[in-house]
Amino acid sequence: MEKGIKVVARYYYQHGYFVEASQENSATARDRDYWLCRKNSAKKLYMFSSPYRNDQEEEHLILNRISENIQKFENPSPNIRYA
């Protein structure tokens, strides 16, 4: 069986970076997955999962993690996998 996953929000950042928040199409799904993307790049880097509370909390969670994840995106270690 295939799960339906949809992008529910997109947060734009500097230098062409943005974060996509995706969520499974399910009545029981509560967590959102956050993926770091860059304009004109096919790569997506998984950042974290978190239950959605509100837009302000979501932005705060992203901003606290984005710099570290941009470093991983630009300088990947062999253990990092992209979507």
N, C-alpha and C. Protein backbone atom coordinates (compact mmCIF):
# COMPACT_ATOMS: atom_id res chain seq x y z
N MET A 1 0.84 -1.17 0.00
CA MET A 1 0.00 0.00 0.00
C MET A 1 0.89 1.24 0.00
N GLU A 2 0.51 2.23 -0.74
CA GLU A 2 1.29 3.44 -0.87
C GLU A 2 0.71 4.53 0.02
N LYS A 3 1.58 5.24 0.72
CA LYS A 3 1.16 6.34 1.57
C LYS A 3 1.12 7.62 0.75
N GLY A 4 0.11 8.43 1.00
CA GLY A 4 0.04 9.73 0.35
C GLY A 4 0.72 10.76 1.23
N ILE A 5 1.72 11.40 0.70
CA ILE A 5 2.44 12.43 1.44
C ILE A 5 2.33 13.73 0.66
N LYS A 6 1.96 14.80 1.36
CA LYS A 6 1.81 16.09 0.68
C LYS A 6 2.66 17.15 1.36
N VAL A 7 3.12 18.11 0.57
CA VAL A 7 3.83 19.27 1.10
C VAL A 7 2.77 20.22 1.62
N VAL A 8 2.82 20.53 2.92
CA VAL A 8 1.80 21.37 3.54
C VAL A 8 2.28 22.79 3.77
N ALA A 9 3.60 23.02 3.69
CA ALA A 9 4.13 24.36 3.87
C ALA A 9 5.51 24.43 3.23
N ARG A 10 5.87 25.63 2.83
CA ARG A 10 7.21 25.86 2.28
C ARG A 10 7.71 27.18 2.87
N TYR A 11 8.88 27.11 3.51
CA TYR A 11 9.47 28.29 4.15
C TYR A 11 10.72 28.68 3.38
N TYR A 12 10.71 29.87 2.83
CA TYR A 12 11.85 30.35 2.03
C TYR A 12 12.88 31.01 2.92
N TYR A 13 14.16 30.75 2.60
CA TYR A 13 15.29 31.27 3.35
C TYR A 13 16.22 31.99 2.37
N GLN A 14 17.39 32.32 2.81
CA GLN A 14 18.37 33.05 1.99
C GLN A 14 19.06 32.14 0.98
N HIS A 15 19.65 32.76 -0.05
CA HIS A 15 20.53 32.10 -1.02
C HIS A 15 19.86 30.91 -1.72
N GLY A 16 18.56 30.99 -1.93
CA GLY A 16 17.85 29.95 -2.66
C GLY A 16 17.43 28.75 -1.84
N TYR A 17 17.71 28.74 -0.56
CA TYR A 17 17.30 27.63 0.30
C TYR A 17 15.86 27.79 0.72
N PHE A 18 15.20 26.66 0.90
CA PHE A 18 13.86 26.66 1.47
C PHE A 18 13.63 25.33 2.18
N VAL A 19 12.66 25.31 3.08
CA VAL A 19 12.33 24.11 3.84
C VAL A 19 10.91 23.71 3.49
N GLU A 20 10.74 22.46 3.10
CA GLU A 20 9.42 21.92 2.86
C GLU A 20 8.96 21.13 4.07
N ALA A 21 7.74 21.40 4.50
CA ALA A 21 7.11 20.62 5.57
C ALA A 21 6.13 19.68 4.90
N SER A 22 6.31 18.40 5.11
CA SER A 22 5.43 17.41 4.49
C SER A 22 4.74 16.59 5.57
N GLN A 23 3.57 16.08 5.21
CA GLN A 23 2.77 15.31 6.16
C GLN A 23 2.05 14.21 5.41
N GLU A 24 1.94 13.06 6.06
CA GLU A 24 1.22 11.94 5.49
C GLU A 24 -0.27 12.26 5.46
N ASN A 25 -0.93 11.89 4.38
CA ASN A 25 -2.39 12.05 4.27
C ASN A 25 -3.07 10.94 5.06
N SER A 26 -3.25 11.18 6.34
CA SER A 26 -3.84 10.17 7.20
C SER A 26 -4.48 10.85 8.40
N ALA A 27 -5.55 10.28 8.87
CA ALA A 27 -6.23 10.85 10.04
C ALA A 27 -5.39 10.69 11.30
N THR A 28 -4.48 9.74 11.32
CA THR A 28 -3.67 9.50 12.51
C THR A 28 -2.30 10.18 12.48
N ALA A 29 -1.90 10.69 11.32
CA ALA A 29 -0.57 11.32 11.20
C ALA A 29 -0.57 12.66 11.92
N ARG A 30 0.36 12.83 12.83
CA ARG A 30 0.46 14.08 13.58
C ARG A 30 1.78 14.80 13.33
N ASP A 31 2.81 14.06 12.99
CA ASP A 31 4.13 14.66 12.78
C ASP A 31 4.28 15.16 11.35
N ARG A 32 5.08 16.21 11.24
CA ARG A 32 5.49 16.71 9.94
C ARG A 32 6.98 16.44 9.78
N ASP A 33 7.39 16.16 8.56
CA ASP A 33 8.80 15.99 8.24
C ASP A 33 9.27 17.27 7.57
N TYR A 34 10.50 17.68 7.89
CA TYR A 34 11.06 18.93 7.37
C TYR A 34 12.28 18.61 6.53
N TRP A 35 12.27 19.12 5.30
CA TRP A 35 13.31 18.83 4.32
C TRP A 35 13.94 20.13 3.82
N LEU A 36 15.26 20.18 3.86
CA LEU A 36 15.99 21.33 3.33
C LEU A 36 16.19 21.14 1.83
N CYS A 37 15.84 22.15 1.07
CA CYS A 37 15.95 22.11 -0.39
C CYS A 37 16.67 23.37 -0.86
N ARG A 38 17.14 23.33 -2.08
CA ARG A 38 17.75 24.51 -2.68
C ARG A 38 17.24 24.65 -4.10
N LYS A 39 16.94 25.87 -4.47
CA LYS A 39 16.43 26.16 -5.81
C LYS A 39 17.38 25.58 -6.85
N ASN A 40 16.82 24.97 -7.87
CA ASN A 40 17.56 24.38 -8.99
C ASN A 40 18.42 23.18 -8.59
N SER A 41 18.08 22.53 -7.48
CA SER A 41 18.78 21.32 -7.05
C SER A 41 17.76 20.20 -6.86
N ALA A 42 18.12 19.02 -7.26
CA ALA A 42 17.24 17.87 -7.09
C ALA A 42 17.37 17.25 -5.69
N LYS A 43 18.38 17.67 -4.94
CA LYS A 43 18.61 17.10 -3.61
C LYS A 43 17.63 17.66 -2.58
N LYS A 44 17.25 16.81 -1.63
CA LYS A 44 16.48 17.21 -0.45
C LYS A 44 17.15 16.57 0.75
N LEU A 45 17.43 17.34 1.77
CA LEU A 45 18.07 16.83 2.97
C LEU A 45 17.06 16.78 4.11
N TYR A 46 16.86 15.60 4.66
CA TYR A 46 15.96 15.45 5.81
C TYR A 46 16.54 16.21 7.00
N MET A 47 15.73 17.06 7.63
CA MET A 47 16.18 17.84 8.78
C MET A 47 15.69 17.23 10.09
N PHE A 48 14.37 17.08 10.24
CA PHE A 48 13.79 16.55 11.48
C PHE A 48 12.29 16.32 11.29
N SER A 49 11.67 15.68 12.28
CA SER A 49 10.22 15.51 12.35
C SER A 49 9.74 16.12 13.64
N SER A 50 8.52 16.64 13.61
CA SER A 50 7.96 17.26 14.81
C SER A 50 6.45 17.37 14.65
N PRO A 51 5.71 17.25 15.76
CA PRO A 51 4.28 17.50 15.66
C PRO A 51 4.02 18.97 15.37
N TYR A 52 3.02 19.25 14.55
CA TYR A 52 2.67 20.63 14.25
C TYR A 52 1.91 21.23 15.42
N ARG A 53 2.33 22.43 15.85
CA ARG A 53 1.63 23.15 16.91
C ARG A 53 0.99 24.41 16.34
N ASN A 54 1.83 25.26 15.73
CA ASN A 54 1.35 26.48 15.07
C ASN A 54 2.46 26.99 14.17
N ASP A 55 2.15 27.97 13.32
CA ASP A 55 3.13 28.48 12.36
C ASP A 55 4.35 29.09 13.04
N GLN A 56 4.13 29.84 14.10
CA GLN A 56 5.24 30.50 14.80
C GLN A 56 6.21 29.48 15.39
N GLU A 57 5.69 28.45 16.02
CA GLU A 57 6.53 27.39 16.60
C GLU A 57 7.29 26.65 15.49
N GLU A 58 6.61 26.40 14.38
CA GLU A 58 7.24 25.71 13.26
C GLU A 58 8.42 26.53 12.71
N GLU A 59 8.21 27.82 12.52
CA GLU A 59 9.29 28.70 12.04
C GLU A 59 10.46 28.71 13.02
N HIS A 60 10.17 28.75 14.30
CA HIS A 60 11.21 28.76 15.33
C HIS A 60 12.04 27.46 15.26
N LEU A 61 11.38 26.32 15.13
CA LEU A 61 12.09 25.04 15.03
C LEU A 61 13.01 25.01 13.81
N ILE A 62 12.51 25.52 12.70
CA ILE A 62 13.30 25.52 11.46
C ILE A 62 14.50 26.44 11.60
N LEU A 63 14.29 27.66 12.09
CA LEU A 63 15.39 28.61 12.23
C LEU A 63 16.48 28.12 13.17
N ASN A 64 16.10 27.37 14.19
CA ASN A 64 17.10 26.82 15.12
C ASN A 64 17.98 25.76 14.49
N ARG A 65 17.53 25.15 13.39
CA ARG A 65 18.26 24.04 12.79
C ARG A 65 18.82 24.33 11.39
N ILE A 66 18.40 25.40 10.77
CA ILE A 66 18.71 25.57 9.35
C ILE A 66 20.20 25.77 9.07
N SER A 67 20.90 26.54 9.87
CA SER A 67 22.34 26.77 9.61
C SER A 67 23.13 25.47 9.63
N GLU A 68 22.90 24.66 10.62
CA GLU A 68 23.58 23.37 10.73
C GLU A 68 23.27 22.48 9.53
N ASN A 69 22.03 22.50 9.10
CA ASN A 69 21.63 21.66 7.97
C ASN A 69 22.13 22.19 6.64
N ILE A 70 22.28 23.49 6.50
CA ILE A 70 22.89 24.03 5.28
C ILE A 70 24.33 23.55 5.18
N GLN A 71 25.04 23.51 6.30
CA GLN A 71 26.42 23.00 6.29
C GLN A 71 26.44 21.54 5.84
N LYS A 72 25.50 20.74 6.33
CA LYS A 72 25.41 19.33 5.92
C LYS A 72 25.06 19.22 4.44
N PHE A 73 24.18 20.08 3.97
CA PHE A 73 23.76 20.07 2.58
C PHE A 73 24.94 20.38 1.66
N GLU A 74 25.74 21.37 2.03
CA GLU A 74 26.86 21.81 1.20
C GLU A 74 28.11 20.95 1.37
N ASN A 75 28.29 20.37 2.54
CA ASN A 75 29.49 19.56 2.84
C ASN A 75 29.06 18.22 3.42
N PRO A 76 28.47 17.38 2.61
CA PRO A 76 27.91 16.13 3.13
C PRO A 76 28.99 15.15 3.58
N SER A 77 28.69 14.42 4.62
CA SER A 77 29.55 13.30 5.02
C SER A 77 29.05 12.06 4.27
N PRO A 78 29.83 11.02 4.24
CA PRO A 78 29.40 9.81 3.51
C PRO A 78 28.13 9.18 4.09
N ASN A 79 27.77 9.50 5.34
CA ASN A 79 26.59 8.91 5.97
C ASN A 79 25.29 9.62 5.61
N ILE A 80 25.36 10.80 5.02
CA ILE A 80 24.16 11.58 4.73
C ILE A 80 23.54 11.08 3.43
N ARG A 81 22.22 10.87 3.50
CA ARG A 81 21.47 10.44 2.33
C ARG A 81 20.47 11.51 1.95
N TYR A 82 20.34 11.70 0.68
CA TYR A 82 19.39 12.69 0.15
C TYR A 82 18.18 11.98 -0.41
N ALA A 83 17.08 12.68 -0.43
CA ALA A 83 15.86 12.13 -1.04
C ALA A 83 15.88 12.44 -2.52
